[in-house]
Amino acid sequence: MSHATATFNGQIIAEADNFETVEGNIYFPPSSIKAKDALSEASLTTVCPWKGTASYYNISVNGDCCTRYYLSPMLMSSGKEAKDAAWYYPQPSTERAEKIKDHVAFYKTKVDVKVE
């Protein structure tokens, strides 16, 4: 069985053996979020034709918000905020998307997401 983690600035934000993979993104179930206090609601929303409206989270660890900029081949920390770094679908628009309802996915350019 595979094990997935989402780590930000050295802190595990989410960890799961049971997760969904959709369009190359790992969707962590709500119960797998280990650092709920690190996530804060963002104002951004986007719409997917088959998944519905996505809501976003900003990420803050240890009181510091950090934006992760992608600098090949590694992720580097810089700045003060991980803005719109994770998203979820609170009300999926199709039955096909119901399996990811309230599951959280993370931008791989901002958060270290691994499946082992």
N, C-alpha and C. Protein backbone atom coordinates (compact mmCIF):
# COMPACT_ATOMS: atom_id res chain seq x y z
N MET A 1 0.84 -1.19 0.00
CA MET A 1 0.00 0.00 0.00
C MET A 1 0.88 1.25 0.00
N SER A 2 0.50 2.26 -0.73
CA SER A 2 1.24 3.51 -0.81
C SER A 2 0.96 4.41 0.38
N HIS A 3 1.94 5.26 0.67
CA HIS A 3 1.83 6.20 1.77
C HIS A 3 2.14 7.59 1.21
N ALA A 4 1.27 8.56 1.45
CA ALA A 4 1.45 9.92 0.94
C ALA A 4 1.67 10.91 2.08
N THR A 5 2.56 11.87 1.83
CA THR A 5 2.78 12.95 2.79
C THR A 5 2.83 14.29 2.05
N ALA A 6 2.42 15.33 2.75
CA ALA A 6 2.55 16.70 2.28
C ALA A 6 3.30 17.45 3.38
N THR A 7 4.50 17.93 3.04
CA THR A 7 5.36 18.58 4.03
C THR A 7 5.65 20.00 3.59
N PHE A 8 5.58 20.91 4.55
CA PHE A 8 5.86 22.31 4.28
C PHE A 8 6.85 22.82 5.31
N ASN A 9 7.99 23.32 4.84
CA ASN A 9 9.05 23.84 5.72
C ASN A 9 9.38 22.88 6.86
N GLY A 10 9.46 21.60 6.54
CA GLY A 10 9.86 20.59 7.51
C GLY A 10 8.75 20.04 8.38
N GLN A 11 7.54 20.56 8.27
CA GLN A 11 6.42 20.07 9.08
C GLN A 11 5.45 19.29 8.21
N ILE A 12 5.07 18.10 8.66
CA ILE A 12 4.08 17.31 7.93
C ILE A 12 2.71 17.95 8.12
N ILE A 13 2.11 18.34 7.01
CA ILE A 13 0.78 18.95 7.04
C ILE A 13 -0.30 17.87 6.89
N ALA A 14 -0.03 16.89 6.02
CA ALA A 14 -0.99 15.79 5.79
C ALA A 14 -0.22 14.50 5.57
N GLU A 15 -0.83 13.40 6.02
CA GLU A 15 -0.20 12.09 5.90
C GLU A 15 -1.30 11.04 5.81
N ALA A 16 -1.22 10.16 4.79
CA ALA A 16 -2.31 9.20 4.60
C ALA A 16 -1.85 7.96 3.84
N ASP A 17 -2.47 6.83 4.19
CA ASP A 17 -2.33 5.60 3.42
C ASP A 17 -3.50 5.46 2.47
N ASN A 18 -4.58 6.15 2.79
CA ASN A 18 -5.80 6.12 1.99
C ASN A 18 -6.02 7.52 1.42
N PHE A 19 -5.81 7.68 0.12
CA PHE A 19 -5.94 8.98 -0.53
C PHE A 19 -6.43 8.76 -1.95
N GLU A 20 -6.80 9.82 -2.62
CA GLU A 20 -7.27 9.76 -4.00
C GLU A 20 -6.28 10.49 -4.90
N THR A 21 -6.06 9.95 -6.09
CA THR A 21 -5.23 10.61 -7.09
C THR A 21 -6.12 11.00 -8.26
N VAL A 22 -6.18 12.28 -8.54
CA VAL A 22 -7.00 12.80 -9.64
C VAL A 22 -6.16 13.79 -10.44
N GLU A 23 -6.06 13.54 -11.72
CA GLU A 23 -5.32 14.42 -12.63
C GLU A 23 -3.90 14.68 -12.13
N GLY A 24 -3.27 13.67 -11.57
CA GLY A 24 -1.89 13.78 -11.09
C GLY A 24 -1.73 14.42 -9.72
N ASN A 25 -2.82 14.82 -9.10
CA ASN A 25 -2.77 15.44 -7.77
C ASN A 25 -3.22 14.45 -6.70
N ILE A 26 -2.55 14.49 -5.56
CA ILE A 26 -2.91 13.66 -4.42
C ILE A 26 -3.93 14.43 -3.59
N TYR A 27 -5.09 13.84 -3.35
CA TYR A 27 -6.13 14.44 -2.52
C TYR A 27 -6.16 13.70 -1.18
N PHE A 28 -5.81 14.42 -0.12
CA PHE A 28 -5.76 13.86 1.22
C PHE A 28 -7.12 13.98 1.89
N PRO A 29 -7.62 12.91 2.50
CA PRO A 29 -8.90 13.01 3.20
C PRO A 29 -8.78 13.96 4.40
N PRO A 30 -9.89 14.58 4.80
CA PRO A 30 -9.84 15.54 5.92
C PRO A 30 -9.20 14.97 7.18
N SER A 31 -9.43 13.69 7.46
CA SER A 31 -8.87 13.08 8.67
C SER A 31 -7.35 12.94 8.63
N SER A 32 -6.74 13.11 7.46
CA SER A 32 -5.28 12.97 7.34
C SER A 32 -4.53 14.27 7.56
N ILE A 33 -5.25 15.37 7.73
CA ILE A 33 -4.59 16.66 7.96
C ILE A 33 -4.06 16.68 9.39
N LYS A 34 -2.74 16.70 9.52
CA LYS A 34 -2.09 16.63 10.84
C LYS A 34 -1.89 18.01 11.45
N ALA A 35 -1.81 19.04 10.63
CA ALA A 35 -1.54 20.39 11.12
C ALA A 35 -2.67 21.32 10.66
N LYS A 36 -3.86 21.08 11.21
CA LYS A 36 -5.03 21.88 10.82
C LYS A 36 -4.82 23.37 11.08
N ASP A 37 -4.06 23.68 12.15
CA ASP A 37 -3.81 25.09 12.48
C ASP A 37 -2.89 25.76 11.47
N ALA A 38 -2.24 24.99 10.60
CA ALA A 38 -1.37 25.56 9.58
C ALA A 38 -2.15 26.04 8.36
N LEU A 39 -3.41 25.62 8.24
CA LEU A 39 -4.24 25.99 7.10
C LEU A 39 -5.21 27.09 7.48
N SER A 40 -5.27 28.12 6.65
CA SER A 40 -6.26 29.19 6.85
C SER A 40 -6.97 29.44 5.53
N GLU A 41 -8.25 29.72 5.61
CA GLU A 41 -9.06 29.93 4.41
C GLU A 41 -8.50 31.10 3.59
N ALA A 42 -8.39 30.88 2.29
CA ALA A 42 -7.98 31.93 1.36
C ALA A 42 -9.24 32.44 0.65
N SER A 43 -9.12 33.57 0.00
CA SER A 43 -10.29 34.14 -0.68
C SER A 43 -10.46 33.60 -2.10
N LEU A 44 -9.43 32.96 -2.65
CA LEU A 44 -9.48 32.46 -4.02
C LEU A 44 -10.45 31.29 -4.18
N THR A 45 -11.18 31.29 -5.27
CA THR A 45 -11.95 30.13 -5.71
C THR A 45 -11.72 29.99 -7.21
N THR A 46 -11.77 28.75 -7.68
CA THR A 46 -11.69 28.47 -9.11
C THR A 46 -12.75 27.44 -9.44
N VAL A 47 -13.06 27.29 -10.72
CA VAL A 47 -14.11 26.36 -11.12
C VAL A 47 -13.56 25.34 -12.12
N CYS A 48 -13.83 24.09 -11.85
CA CYS A 48 -13.52 22.99 -12.77
C CYS A 48 -14.85 22.50 -13.33
N PRO A 49 -14.93 22.24 -14.63
CA PRO A 49 -16.20 21.83 -15.23
C PRO A 49 -16.80 20.55 -14.63
N TRP A 50 -15.96 19.62 -14.18
CA TRP A 50 -16.52 18.36 -13.66
C TRP A 50 -16.36 18.20 -12.15
N LYS A 51 -15.48 18.99 -11.52
CA LYS A 51 -15.32 18.87 -10.06
C LYS A 51 -16.11 19.93 -9.31
N GLY A 52 -16.29 21.08 -9.91
CA GLY A 52 -17.04 22.14 -9.25
C GLY A 52 -16.14 23.29 -8.83
N THR A 53 -16.58 24.01 -7.80
CA THR A 53 -15.85 25.17 -7.31
C THR A 53 -14.86 24.75 -6.22
N ALA A 54 -13.59 25.09 -6.43
CA ALA A 54 -12.55 24.79 -5.45
C ALA A 54 -12.36 25.98 -4.53
N SER A 55 -12.22 25.69 -3.25
CA SER A 55 -11.84 26.68 -2.25
C SER A 55 -10.38 26.44 -1.91
N TYR A 56 -9.70 27.48 -1.45
CA TYR A 56 -8.26 27.41 -1.23
C TYR A 56 -7.86 27.70 0.21
N TYR A 57 -6.67 27.19 0.56
CA TYR A 57 -6.05 27.46 1.85
C TYR A 57 -4.70 28.13 1.64
N ASN A 58 -4.35 29.02 2.57
CA ASN A 58 -2.99 29.51 2.72
C ASN A 58 -2.35 28.61 3.77
N ILE A 59 -1.01 28.52 3.76
CA ILE A 59 -0.31 27.68 4.73
C ILE A 59 0.64 28.52 5.55
N SER A 60 0.63 28.31 6.86
CA SER A 60 1.53 28.96 7.80
C SER A 60 2.04 27.91 8.78
N VAL A 61 3.36 27.84 8.96
CA VAL A 61 3.96 26.87 9.87
C VAL A 61 4.77 27.61 10.92
N ASN A 62 4.58 27.23 12.20
CA ASN A 62 5.33 27.83 13.31
C ASN A 62 5.20 29.35 13.35
N GLY A 63 4.03 29.83 12.98
CA GLY A 63 3.79 31.27 13.03
C GLY A 63 4.36 32.04 11.87
N ASP A 64 5.13 31.38 11.01
CA ASP A 64 5.72 32.03 9.85
C ASP A 64 5.05 31.53 8.59
N CYS A 65 4.61 32.44 7.76
CA CYS A 65 4.09 32.05 6.46
C CYS A 65 5.23 32.09 5.47
N CYS A 66 5.28 31.13 4.62
CA CYS A 66 6.39 31.08 3.66
C CYS A 66 5.88 30.69 2.30
N THR A 67 6.33 31.41 1.28
CA THR A 67 6.02 31.05 -0.10
C THR A 67 7.15 30.18 -0.61
N ARG A 68 6.82 29.13 -1.30
CA ARG A 68 7.83 28.25 -1.87
C ARG A 68 7.89 28.54 -3.37
N TYR A 69 9.04 28.99 -3.83
CA TYR A 69 9.23 29.24 -5.25
C TYR A 69 9.94 28.05 -5.86
N TYR A 70 9.54 27.63 -7.02
CA TYR A 70 10.16 26.48 -7.65
C TYR A 70 11.45 26.91 -8.35
N LEU A 71 12.56 26.39 -7.86
CA LEU A 71 13.86 26.63 -8.46
C LEU A 71 14.46 25.27 -8.75
N SER A 72 14.42 24.85 -9.97
CA SER A 72 14.87 23.51 -10.35
C SER A 72 16.31 23.30 -9.89
N PRO A 73 16.64 22.12 -9.32
CA PRO A 73 15.80 20.96 -9.14
C PRO A 73 15.18 20.87 -7.75
N MET A 74 15.26 21.89 -6.93
CA MET A 74 14.74 21.77 -5.58
C MET A 74 13.81 22.93 -5.22
N LEU A 75 13.01 22.73 -4.18
CA LEU A 75 12.13 23.80 -3.70
C LEU A 75 12.90 24.65 -2.69
N MET A 76 12.75 25.94 -2.80
CA MET A 76 13.43 26.85 -1.87
C MET A 76 12.37 27.69 -1.15
N SER A 77 12.65 28.06 0.09
CA SER A 77 11.73 28.90 0.86
C SER A 77 12.14 30.36 0.69
N SER A 78 11.15 31.21 0.58
CA SER A 78 11.41 32.63 0.47
C SER A 78 10.11 33.37 0.74
N GLY A 79 10.20 34.58 1.26
CA GLY A 79 9.00 35.38 1.47
C GLY A 79 8.31 35.06 2.78
N LYS A 80 7.04 35.47 2.91
CA LYS A 80 6.32 35.35 4.16
C LYS A 80 5.01 34.60 4.09
N GLU A 81 4.57 34.15 2.92
CA GLU A 81 3.25 33.52 2.85
C GLU A 81 3.15 32.46 1.77
N ALA A 82 2.53 31.33 2.10
CA ALA A 82 2.22 30.30 1.10
C ALA A 82 0.76 30.52 0.73
N LYS A 83 0.57 31.44 -0.18
CA LYS A 83 -0.77 31.87 -0.55
C LYS A 83 -1.39 30.88 -1.53
N ASP A 84 -2.64 30.50 -1.26
CA ASP A 84 -3.39 29.62 -2.17
C ASP A 84 -2.61 28.33 -2.47
N ALA A 85 -2.00 27.75 -1.46
CA ALA A 85 -1.11 26.59 -1.62
C ALA A 85 -1.83 25.25 -1.64
N ALA A 86 -3.09 25.23 -1.21
CA ALA A 86 -3.86 23.98 -1.16
C ALA A 86 -5.30 24.28 -1.55
N TRP A 87 -5.98 23.26 -2.04
CA TRP A 87 -7.38 23.46 -2.44
C TRP A 87 -8.21 22.23 -2.13
N TYR A 88 -9.52 22.44 -2.12
CA TYR A 88 -10.47 21.34 -1.87
C TYR A 88 -11.81 21.70 -2.50
N TYR A 89 -12.66 20.68 -2.66
CA TYR A 89 -13.98 20.86 -3.25
C TYR A 89 -15.04 20.57 -2.19
N PRO A 90 -15.61 21.62 -1.57
CA PRO A 90 -16.60 21.40 -0.52
C PRO A 90 -17.94 20.86 -1.04
N GLN A 91 -18.26 21.17 -2.29
CA GLN A 91 -19.51 20.70 -2.89
C GLN A 91 -19.25 20.30 -4.34
N PRO A 92 -18.73 19.09 -4.55
CA PRO A 92 -18.44 18.66 -5.92
C PRO A 92 -19.69 18.75 -6.81
N SER A 93 -19.49 19.08 -8.07
CA SER A 93 -20.63 19.31 -8.96
C SER A 93 -21.10 18.06 -9.69
N THR A 94 -20.32 16.98 -9.64
CA THR A 94 -20.74 15.75 -10.29
C THR A 94 -20.54 14.56 -9.35
N GLU A 95 -21.25 13.51 -9.63
CA GLU A 95 -21.12 12.29 -8.83
C GLU A 95 -19.70 11.73 -8.92
N ARG A 96 -19.10 11.87 -10.08
CA ARG A 96 -17.73 11.40 -10.31
C ARG A 96 -16.72 12.06 -9.37
N ALA A 97 -16.98 13.30 -8.98
CA ALA A 97 -16.06 14.04 -8.11
C ALA A 97 -16.36 13.86 -6.62
N GLU A 98 -17.43 13.19 -6.27
CA GLU A 98 -17.82 13.01 -4.86
C GLU A 98 -16.72 12.37 -4.03
N LYS A 99 -15.89 11.51 -4.64
CA LYS A 99 -14.85 10.81 -3.88
C LYS A 99 -13.77 11.76 -3.35
N ILE A 100 -13.70 12.99 -3.86
CA ILE A 100 -12.71 13.95 -3.36
C ILE A 100 -13.36 15.09 -2.56
N LYS A 101 -14.61 14.95 -2.22
CA LYS A 101 -15.31 15.97 -1.43
C LYS A 101 -14.51 16.24 -0.15
N ASP A 102 -14.17 17.49 0.08
CA ASP A 102 -13.43 17.97 1.26
C ASP A 102 -12.01 17.43 1.38
N HIS A 103 -11.54 16.65 0.40
CA HIS A 103 -10.15 16.20 0.40
C HIS A 103 -9.26 17.38 0.00
N VAL A 104 -8.06 17.45 0.56
CA VAL A 104 -7.16 18.58 0.33
C VAL A 104 -6.01 18.16 -0.59
N ALA A 105 -5.79 18.94 -1.62
CA ALA A 105 -4.65 18.76 -2.53
C ALA A 105 -3.71 19.96 -2.37
N PHE A 106 -2.44 19.74 -2.64
CA PHE A 106 -1.42 20.77 -2.45
C PHE A 106 -0.67 21.02 -3.75
N TYR A 107 -0.34 22.29 -4.01
CA TYR A 107 0.49 22.61 -5.16
C TYR A 107 1.90 22.08 -4.91
N LYS A 108 2.37 21.26 -5.83
CA LYS A 108 3.67 20.63 -5.66
C LYS A 108 4.82 21.61 -5.78
N THR A 109 4.57 22.81 -6.31
CA THR A 109 5.60 23.84 -6.37
C THR A 109 5.70 24.62 -5.07
N LYS A 110 4.75 24.41 -4.16
CA LYS A 110 4.74 25.13 -2.88
C LYS A 110 4.90 24.20 -1.69
N VAL A 111 4.50 22.95 -1.86
CA VAL A 111 4.49 21.96 -0.78
C VAL A 111 5.16 20.69 -1.31
N ASP A 112 5.96 20.04 -0.48
CA ASP A 112 6.61 18.80 -0.89
C ASP A 112 5.63 17.65 -0.71
N VAL A 113 5.09 17.13 -1.82
CA VAL A 113 4.12 16.04 -1.79
C VAL A 113 4.82 14.78 -2.30
N LYS A 114 4.81 13.74 -1.48
CA LYS A 114 5.47 12.48 -1.85
C LYS A 114 4.54 11.30 -1.65
N VAL A 115 4.68 10.32 -2.54
CA VAL A 115 3.99 9.04 -2.40
C VAL A 115 5.06 7.96 -2.45
N GLU A 116 5.09 7.15 -1.40
CA GLU A 116 6.09 6.08 -1.32
C GLU A 116 5.40 4.76 -1.10
